[in-house]
Amino acid sequence: MENKPNILFVGDYNRRDYLDLLLKSKDGFNFFFLEFASKKEITNHYHKAYGKCIFWKDYRDAFDLLEKIKPAKVLFLYIEAYNHVALNIACKNIGIPTFHLEHGLRADYLPHLSAGKNTVPAPSLQARLLNFLTILREFRPRLKTRLFLLNSIRRFPVADAKIMKEFIEVRSKYNFFGTAVRIKSQKRQPVYCISFSEKIFRTHQIYDILPDQQKVFYIGIPYFDRFAGVVPATPARAVLLIDQPLAEHGLLNWTKNQKKRFIHDLSRVCSRHRFKLYVKPHPRQDVSLWQQSHQAVELINDEQLLQLAPSIPFVLGFYSTLLMPFAAFPHTAVVTYENHPIGRIDVSKSFIEAGVAHPVYSMQDLEWALQHIEQLHQKQLPNKAKFTEEWMYKFDGKAGERLRDILLSDKL
């Protein structure tokens, strides 16, 4: 490989949007991607445009991995699984800087609602059978991945081994927030955080129980550099829904049947008022629920979203990072749907309180909003600049460059 610094990126590199955080950095580094036990877990080969993937199973322990890869820095999208924490501890032992790289809004309602409990619905019999077959097929890679963890613990100093064992015991029983409130040791936390903005970091700081003196860099949102040059065009008679996989993950008590009802009702409202409905699905979403709809709905991808952005006057969403550029655009009105099966909760309160989104709690509320788009737009317009500054840091198309400069710095 070229004589460039090696960067180890730890996180789900099947997600194209996560990889595109590195768009402005990819020519300056040799990137290595790590998250899975074997190649069979890879569902998207987009990472090849950025670097090379490696696997836990191919290394004896965390120190062996670091010795062979020789990363100048390690970027974690999250430090939540056993091997993540083991790798972070090993980096701290030998002086390799570790970073948590922000990858989206954290839902600040989750710690209070979940109370540390698992919110994922129980899998079906078919899902359990498929999982069992996967375990059998992946037995050897998973065994070697577990040996990676055990061998790493054996090489840790006594105090670090104790913390690692405690983390495993707690994490096996609780979700990440439940674990974070019980294990506050900085050994499981990064040396540095790279966050989109101060407001977003504050939620992460609370969720991850980060210390007040946590070292953090603000860069803006690299995902949205491509939106920075959007120029308003003639408004289309259209609604854009930025969807979320709430039913797939059982969040806020959503089920697939309830989502089907929502799809049916939303489609009918848009049709009744002669609005074209575009839907931007979440990468982890089951789009078949939309494809089964008999209403006029068009699913769009990232490229189509960018093309439509100048002419979309009305954006509907749940709690989503992708709402942010539309909340910042001078030509859009944003509405958030807050009537969830768990109850009427202002999940998107950060947008609502900033004055850049209007909450609706029923389809009747939504119909009113569709008839008063310009009124909502004029109400939100004066608040957009402050929202941009507080939540997006800068919307100047240079967030990716700021990330690159941090990775290039030899002072960290």
Protein backbone atom coordinates (compact mmCIF):
# COMPACT_ATOMS: atom_id res chain seq x y z
CA MET A 1 0.00 0.00 0.00
CA GLU A 2 1.09 3.60 -0.52
CA ASN A 3 3.21 5.32 2.10
CA LYS A 4 0.30 7.05 3.81
CA PRO A 5 -0.88 6.91 7.44
CA ASN A 6 -2.95 3.87 8.32
CA ILE A 7 -6.36 4.54 9.88
CA LEU A 8 -8.39 1.74 11.48
CA PHE A 9 -12.14 2.36 11.14
CA VAL A 10 -14.28 0.27 13.50
CA GLY A 11 -17.98 0.15 12.68
CA ASP A 12 -20.59 -1.11 10.24
CA TYR A 13 -18.89 -0.58 6.89
CA ASN A 14 -21.85 -2.18 5.12
CA ARG A 15 -23.44 1.24 5.56
CA ARG A 16 -22.53 3.43 2.58
CA ASP A 17 -23.51 6.59 4.47
CA TYR A 18 -21.02 5.79 7.25
CA LEU A 19 -18.23 5.29 4.75
CA ASP A 20 -19.04 8.57 3.03
CA LEU A 21 -18.04 10.38 6.20
CA LEU A 22 -14.53 9.69 4.85
CA LEU A 23 -15.12 11.06 1.34
CA LYS A 24 -12.70 13.98 1.72
CA SER A 25 -10.18 11.81 3.61
CA LYS A 26 -9.92 8.71 1.47
CA ASP A 27 -7.02 9.87 -0.72
CA GLY A 28 -4.82 10.78 2.24
CA PHE A 29 -4.85 7.50 4.19
CA ASN A 30 -4.78 3.74 4.02
CA PHE A 31 -8.11 2.79 5.59
CA PHE A 32 -8.70 -0.58 7.24
CA PHE A 33 -12.29 -1.52 8.11
CA LEU A 34 -13.10 -3.76 11.05
CA GLU A 35 -16.40 -4.97 12.52
CA PHE A 36 -17.24 -8.50 11.40
CA ALA A 37 -16.03 -12.03 12.12
CA SER A 38 -15.86 -13.11 8.48
CA LYS A 39 -16.56 -12.13 4.86
CA LYS A 40 -19.99 -13.77 5.05
CA GLU A 41 -21.27 -10.79 7.06
CA ILE A 42 -20.41 -8.32 4.30
CA THR A 43 -23.49 -7.25 2.33
CA ASN A 44 -22.07 -4.24 0.49
CA HIS A 45 -18.66 -3.95 -1.17
CA TYR A 46 -18.70 -0.17 -1.35
CA HIS A 47 -15.88 -0.12 1.22
CA LYS A 48 -13.45 -1.16 -1.53
CA ALA A 49 -13.62 2.42 -2.85
CA TYR A 50 -12.08 3.52 0.46
CA GLY A 51 -9.82 0.75 1.70
CA LYS A 52 -9.48 -2.83 2.86
CA CYS A 53 -11.55 -4.86 5.33
CA ILE A 54 -10.02 -7.06 8.04
CA PHE A 55 -11.63 -9.49 10.49
CA TRP A 56 -11.32 -10.16 14.21
CA LYS A 57 -10.79 -13.87 13.61
CA ASP A 58 -7.54 -13.30 11.73
CA TYR A 59 -5.65 -11.91 14.72
CA ARG A 60 -4.54 -13.59 17.92
CA ASP A 61 -5.51 -10.61 20.10
CA ALA A 62 -5.89 -6.83 20.07
CA PHE A 63 -2.17 -6.21 20.43
CA ASP A 64 -1.41 -8.57 17.55
CA LEU A 65 -3.90 -6.68 15.36
CA LEU A 66 -2.44 -3.29 16.22
CA GLU A 67 1.12 -4.51 15.67
CA LYS A 68 0.29 -5.80 12.20
CA ILE A 69 -1.96 -2.93 11.01
CA LYS A 70 0.06 -0.17 12.71
CA PRO A 71 -2.71 2.44 12.71
CA ALA A 72 -1.80 6.04 13.39
CA LYS A 73 -5.32 6.52 14.76
CA VAL A 74 -8.36 4.35 15.45
CA LEU A 75 -11.84 5.65 14.63
CA PHE A 76 -14.79 4.00 16.37
CA LEU A 77 -18.34 4.68 15.26
CA TYR A 78 -19.32 3.18 18.61
CA ILE A 79 -17.52 1.44 21.48
CA GLU A 80 -20.30 -0.87 22.58
CA ALA A 81 -19.37 -4.52 21.90
CA TYR A 82 -16.83 -6.64 23.79
CA ASN A 83 -14.17 -6.48 21.09
CA HIS A 84 -14.64 -2.72 20.68
CA VAL A 85 -13.79 -2.16 24.33
CA ALA A 86 -10.90 -4.64 24.23
CA LEU A 87 -9.40 -2.86 21.22
CA ASN A 88 -9.86 0.54 22.85
CA ILE A 89 -8.08 -0.65 26.01
CA ALA A 90 -5.21 -2.09 23.97
CA CYS A 91 -4.82 1.20 22.08
CA LYS A 92 -4.62 3.11 25.35
CA ASN A 93 -2.00 0.68 26.64
CA ILE A 94 0.35 1.33 23.73
CA GLY A 95 -0.50 4.98 23.08
CA ILE A 96 -2.54 4.88 19.86
CA PRO A 97 -5.10 7.73 19.85
CA THR A 98 -8.71 6.54 19.77
CA PHE A 99 -11.64 8.61 18.54
CA HIS A 100 -15.39 8.29 18.63
CA LEU A 101 -16.58 9.55 15.26
CA GLU A 102 -20.12 10.92 15.35
CA HIS A 103 -22.39 9.26 12.82
CA GLY A 104 -25.84 10.68 13.55
CA LEU A 105 -28.28 12.22 15.97
CA ARG A 106 -28.73 10.27 19.15
CA ALA A 107 -32.35 10.08 20.21
CA ASP A 108 -32.21 11.84 23.56
CA TYR A 109 -35.50 10.25 24.63
CA LEU A 110 -34.08 6.71 24.53
CA PRO A 111 -32.25 6.61 27.89
CA HIS A 112 -35.41 7.67 29.70
CA LEU A 113 -37.72 5.27 27.85
CA SER A 114 -35.52 2.20 27.74
CA ALA A 115 -34.16 2.42 31.29
CA GLY A 116 -31.37 0.15 30.14
CA LYS A 117 -33.71 -2.61 28.94
CA ASN A 118 -33.69 -4.29 25.56
CA THR A 119 -36.34 -2.71 23.31
CA VAL A 120 -35.94 -5.05 20.33
CA PRO A 121 -39.04 -7.24 19.84
CA ALA A 122 -38.68 -10.98 20.41
CA PRO A 123 -37.73 -12.72 17.14
CA SER A 124 -40.17 -15.03 15.40
CA LEU A 125 -39.66 -18.80 15.31
CA GLN A 126 -38.43 -18.51 11.72
CA ALA A 127 -35.96 -15.78 12.70
CA ARG A 128 -34.66 -17.88 15.60
CA LEU A 129 -34.17 -20.85 13.28
CA LEU A 130 -32.28 -18.72 10.74
CA ASN A 131 -30.12 -17.34 13.55
CA PHE A 132 -29.34 -20.86 14.75
CA LEU A 133 -28.33 -21.94 11.24
CA THR A 134 -26.15 -18.83 10.92
CA ILE A 135 -24.41 -19.68 14.19
CA LEU A 136 -23.72 -23.21 12.94
CA ARG A 137 -22.40 -21.94 9.61
CA GLU A 138 -20.28 -19.26 11.27
CA PHE A 139 -19.17 -21.36 14.25
CA ARG A 140 -15.45 -21.35 13.46
CA PRO A 141 -15.12 -17.58 12.71
CA ARG A 142 -17.18 -16.75 15.80
CA LEU A 143 -15.09 -19.06 17.96
CA LYS A 144 -11.89 -17.42 16.74
CA THR A 145 -13.43 -13.99 17.34
CA ARG A 146 -14.20 -14.98 20.94
CA LEU A 147 -10.64 -16.27 21.33
CA PHE A 148 -9.45 -12.82 20.14
CA LEU A 149 -11.27 -11.35 23.14
CA LEU A 150 -10.02 -13.90 25.66
CA ASN A 151 -6.43 -13.66 24.45
CA SER A 152 -6.60 -9.87 24.66
CA ILE A 153 -7.78 -10.03 28.28
CA ARG A 154 -4.89 -12.36 29.15
CA ARG A 155 -2.43 -9.74 27.90
CA PHE A 156 -4.03 -6.81 29.73
CA PRO A 157 -2.61 -5.45 32.98
CA VAL A 158 -4.55 -6.78 35.97
CA ALA A 159 -6.64 -3.61 36.44
CA ASP A 160 -7.63 -3.49 32.75
CA ALA A 161 -8.50 -7.19 32.70
CA LYS A 162 -10.78 -6.62 35.68
CA ILE A 163 -12.59 -3.76 33.93
CA MET A 164 -12.95 -5.80 30.75
CA LYS A 165 -14.46 -8.76 32.62
CA GLU A 166 -16.85 -6.43 34.44
CA PHE A 167 -17.91 -4.89 31.13
CA ILE A 168 -18.63 -8.33 29.65
CA GLU A 169 -20.74 -9.33 32.64
CA VAL A 170 -22.81 -6.14 32.61
CA ARG A 171 -23.11 -5.79 28.83
CA SER A 172 -24.45 -9.33 28.55
CA LYS A 173 -27.49 -8.25 30.60
CA TYR A 174 -28.10 -4.63 29.57
CA ASN A 175 -28.30 -2.50 26.47
CA PHE A 176 -25.60 0.10 25.92
CA PHE A 177 -27.17 2.84 28.04
CA GLY A 178 -27.79 0.40 30.88
CA THR A 179 -24.13 -0.60 30.67
CA ALA A 180 -22.84 2.99 30.49
CA VAL A 181 -24.57 4.05 33.71
CA ARG A 182 -23.10 1.04 35.50
CA ILE A 183 -19.54 1.19 34.13
CA LYS A 184 -18.24 4.74 33.94
CA SER A 185 -14.57 3.82 33.57
CA GLN A 186 -12.77 5.90 30.94
CA LYS A 187 -11.12 2.68 29.78
CA ARG A 188 -14.23 1.97 27.71
CA GLN A 189 -14.33 5.52 26.34
CA PRO A 190 -12.31 7.15 23.53
CA VAL A 191 -9.50 9.63 24.08
CA TYR A 192 -11.15 12.09 21.69
CA CYS A 193 -14.60 12.68 20.26
CA ILE A 194 -15.24 14.08 16.79
CA SER A 195 -18.74 15.45 16.85
CA PHE A 196 -20.98 17.24 14.38
CA SER A 197 -21.86 20.08 16.75
CA GLU A 198 -22.02 21.09 20.39
CA LYS A 199 -25.74 20.30 20.69
CA ILE A 200 -25.35 16.83 19.20
CA PHE A 201 -22.32 16.12 21.35
CA ARG A 202 -24.23 17.10 24.49
CA THR A 203 -26.75 14.31 23.91
CA HIS A 204 -23.94 11.84 23.23
CA GLN A 205 -22.17 13.02 26.38
CA ILE A 206 -25.27 12.27 28.46
CA TYR A 207 -25.99 8.97 26.72
CA ASP A 208 -22.42 7.68 27.03
CA ILE A 209 -21.75 9.23 30.47
CA LEU A 210 -18.72 11.09 29.10
CA PRO A 211 -16.75 13.32 31.50
CA ASP A 212 -17.15 17.11 31.48
CA GLN A 213 -13.50 17.44 30.43
CA GLN A 214 -13.90 15.12 27.42
CA LYS A 215 -11.73 16.30 24.52
CA VAL A 216 -13.95 17.00 21.52
CA PHE A 217 -13.65 18.47 18.02
CA TYR A 218 -16.61 19.94 16.12
CA ILE A 219 -16.62 19.54 12.36
CA GLY A 220 -20.18 19.93 11.03
CA ILE A 221 -21.87 17.05 9.21
CA PRO A 222 -19.87 15.50 6.35
CA TYR A 223 -22.98 13.70 5.05
CA PHE A 224 -24.46 17.05 4.16
CA ASP A 225 -21.53 18.71 2.42
CA ARG A 226 -23.25 17.83 -0.85
CA PHE A 227 -26.35 19.77 0.23
CA ALA A 228 -24.47 22.97 1.05
CA GLY A 229 -24.74 24.26 -2.51
CA VAL A 230 -28.47 23.61 -2.97
CA VAL A 231 -30.22 26.60 -4.56
CA PRO A 232 -34.03 26.83 -4.16
CA ALA A 233 -36.02 26.12 -7.31
CA THR A 234 -39.69 26.36 -8.26
CA PRO A 235 -41.61 24.44 -5.56
CA ALA A 236 -43.11 21.12 -6.59
CA ARG A 237 -46.46 19.99 -5.26
CA ALA A 238 -44.78 17.23 -3.33
CA VAL A 239 -44.18 15.82 0.14
CA LEU A 240 -40.91 14.19 1.14
CA LEU A 241 -41.04 11.64 3.96
CA ILE A 242 -37.72 10.83 5.60
CA ASP A 243 -38.53 7.46 7.08
CA GLN A 244 -37.09 5.52 10.02
CA PRO A 245 -36.98 1.77 10.85
CA LEU A 246 -39.11 2.16 13.97
CA ALA A 247 -41.18 -0.97 13.33
CA GLU A 248 -38.14 -3.04 12.35
CA HIS A 249 -36.43 -2.24 15.66
CA GLY A 250 -39.57 -2.16 17.81
CA LEU A 251 -38.88 1.44 18.81
CA LEU A 252 -41.65 3.38 20.55
CA ASN A 253 -43.77 0.20 20.32
CA TRP A 254 -44.14 0.40 16.54
CA THR A 255 -45.11 -2.84 14.81
CA LYS A 256 -45.21 -3.70 11.12
CA ASN A 257 -49.01 -3.69 11.12
CA GLN A 258 -49.07 -0.20 12.64
CA LYS A 259 -46.54 0.96 10.06
CA LYS A 260 -48.70 -0.46 7.27
CA ARG A 261 -51.63 1.55 8.59
CA PHE A 262 -49.49 4.68 8.73
CA ILE A 263 -48.36 4.13 5.13
CA HIS A 264 -51.97 3.66 3.99
CA ASP A 265 -53.23 6.76 5.81
CA LEU A 266 -50.35 8.99 4.75
CA SER A 267 -50.66 7.94 1.12
CA ARG A 268 -54.39 8.69 1.11
CA VAL A 269 -53.91 12.13 2.68
CA CYS A 270 -51.29 13.09 0.11
CA SER A 271 -53.44 11.79 -2.73
CA ARG A 272 -56.54 13.61 -1.45
CA HIS A 273 -54.67 16.93 -1.46
CA ARG A 274 -52.94 16.19 -4.77
CA PHE A 275 -49.39 15.98 -3.40
CA LYS A 276 -46.82 13.62 -4.87
CA LEU A 277 -45.32 11.50 -2.07
CA TYR A 278 -41.59 10.76 -2.16
CA VAL A 279 -40.10 8.48 0.49
CA LYS A 280 -36.43 8.30 1.44
CA PRO A 281 -36.06 5.01 3.35
CA HIS A 282 -33.52 4.47 6.10
CA PRO A 283 -30.63 2.13 5.13
CA ARG A 284 -31.82 -0.43 7.69
CA GLN A 285 -35.44 -0.32 6.68
CA ASP A 286 -37.74 -2.98 5.25
CA VAL A 287 -38.88 -1.23 2.06
CA SER A 288 -41.29 -4.05 1.22
CA LEU A 289 -43.87 -2.37 3.44
CA TRP A 290 -43.84 0.58 1.03
CA GLN A 291 -43.61 -1.58 -2.07
CA GLN A 292 -46.78 -3.42 -1.04
CA SER A 293 -48.73 -0.17 -0.89
CA HIS A 294 -51.23 0.33 -3.70
CA GLN A 295 -51.01 4.11 -3.39
CA ALA A 296 -48.85 6.38 -5.57
CA VAL A 297 -45.54 6.41 -3.70
CA GLU A 298 -42.03 6.82 -5.07
CA LEU A 299 -39.06 5.49 -3.13
CA ILE A 300 -35.90 7.50 -3.77
CA ASN A 301 -32.17 7.03 -3.18
CA ASP A 302 -29.48 9.49 -2.11
CA GLU A 303 -28.83 10.80 -5.61
CA GLN A 304 -32.51 11.39 -6.28
CA LEU A 305 -32.86 13.10 -2.92
CA LEU A 306 -30.15 15.58 -3.86
CA GLN A 307 -31.87 16.26 -7.19
CA LEU A 308 -35.24 16.85 -5.51
CA ALA A 309 -33.92 18.95 -2.62
CA PRO A 310 -34.16 22.36 -4.38
CA SER A 311 -37.87 21.96 -5.18
CA ILE A 312 -39.31 20.14 -2.15
CA PRO A 313 -41.37 22.59 -0.05
CA PHE A 314 -42.68 20.19 2.63
CA VAL A 315 -40.68 17.57 4.56
CA LEU A 316 -42.20 15.08 6.99
CA GLY A 317 -40.20 12.87 9.31
CA PHE A 318 -39.72 11.14 12.60
CA TYR A 319 -36.48 11.74 14.52
CA SER A 320 -33.76 11.64 11.86
CA THR A 321 -30.35 13.12 11.16
CA LEU A 322 -31.44 13.56 7.55
CA LEU A 323 -34.06 16.11 8.62
CA MET A 324 -31.28 18.54 9.49
CA PRO A 325 -30.37 19.99 6.08
CA PHE A 326 -34.05 20.43 5.26
CA ALA A 327 -34.58 22.21 8.56
CA ALA A 328 -31.68 24.49 7.56
CA PHE A 329 -32.77 25.14 3.96
CA PRO A 330 -34.45 28.55 3.51
CA HIS A 331 -37.17 27.14 1.24
CA THR A 332 -38.57 24.21 3.24
CA ALA A 333 -41.13 23.66 5.98
CA VAL A 334 -40.53 20.66 8.24
CA VAL A 335 -43.22 18.66 10.04
CA THR A 336 -42.55 15.81 12.49
CA TYR A 337 -44.98 12.98 13.25
CA GLU A 338 -45.21 12.53 17.02
CA ASN A 339 -48.14 10.14 17.54
CA HIS A 340 -46.41 6.87 18.38
CA PRO A 341 -47.92 3.64 19.70
CA ILE A 342 -46.18 4.27 23.02
CA GLY A 343 -47.96 7.63 23.24
CA ARG A 344 -47.86 11.22 22.05
CA ILE A 345 -44.17 11.98 22.57
CA ASP A 346 -42.27 14.85 21.05
CA VAL A 347 -39.43 12.62 19.93
CA SER A 348 -38.19 15.40 17.65
CA LYS A 349 -38.27 18.00 20.41
CA SER A 350 -34.81 19.30 19.47
CA PHE A 351 -36.22 20.39 16.09
CA ILE A 352 -39.51 21.58 17.59
CA GLU A 353 -37.92 23.62 20.38
CA ALA A 354 -35.50 25.18 17.89
CA GLY A 355 -38.51 26.42 15.95
CA VAL A 356 -37.62 24.63 12.70
CA ALA A 357 -40.27 21.89 12.83
CA HIS A 358 -43.99 21.71 13.49
CA PRO A 359 -45.29 18.61 15.33
CA VAL A 360 -48.38 16.74 14.17
CA TYR A 361 -50.19 14.11 16.23
CA SER A 362 -52.76 12.80 13.75
CA MET A 363 -53.53 12.63 10.07
CA GLN A 364 -55.99 15.47 10.61
CA ASP A 365 -53.11 17.61 11.92
CA LEU A 366 -51.12 16.65 8.85
CA GLU A 367 -53.95 17.68 6.54
CA TRP A 368 -54.03 21.08 8.21
CA ALA A 369 -50.27 21.42 7.74
CA LEU A 370 -50.51 20.56 4.04
CA GLN A 371 -53.00 23.37 3.64
CA HIS A 372 -50.77 25.88 5.47
CA ILE A 373 -47.30 25.14 4.13
CA GLU A 374 -46.36 28.76 3.54
CA GLN A 375 -47.58 29.77 6.99
CA LEU A 376 -45.37 27.11 8.58
CA HIS A 377 -42.48 28.09 6.32
CA GLN A 378 -42.64 31.73 7.36
CA LYS A 379 -42.81 30.75 11.03
CA GLN A 380 -39.74 28.50 10.76
CA LEU A 381 -37.64 30.73 8.50
CA PRO A 382 -36.34 33.18 11.18
CA ASN A 383 -35.07 30.25 13.30
CA LYS A 384 -33.09 28.42 10.65
CA ALA A 385 -29.78 30.31 10.98
CA LYS A 386 -29.54 29.74 14.73
CA PHE A 387 -30.51 26.09 14.34
CA THR A 388 -27.78 25.65 11.73
CA GLU A 389 -25.15 27.17 14.00
CA GLU A 390 -26.13 25.22 17.12
CA TRP A 391 -26.92 21.83 15.62
CA MET A 392 -24.86 21.67 12.41
CA TYR A 393 -21.87 23.79 13.47
CA LYS A 394 -21.31 25.01 9.93
CA PHE A 395 -23.25 24.21 6.77
CA ASP A 396 -20.49 25.25 4.39
CA GLY A 397 -19.59 22.05 2.53
CA LYS A 398 -16.28 21.68 4.41
CA ALA A 399 -17.12 19.29 7.25
CA GLY A 400 -15.34 16.41 5.51
CA GLU A 401 -12.23 18.57 5.12
CA ARG A 402 -12.25 19.37 8.83
CA LEU A 403 -12.39 15.65 9.60
CA ARG A 404 -9.49 15.02 7.22
CA ASP A 405 -7.39 17.70 8.94
CA ILE A 406 -7.96 16.10 12.35
CA LEU A 407 -6.86 12.71 11.02
CA LEU A 408 -3.78 14.28 9.43
CA SER A 409 -2.72 16.09 12.60
CA ASP A 410 0.44 14.69 14.14
CA LYS A 411 -0.28 16.46 17.44
CA LEU A 412 -3.00 14.01 18.51
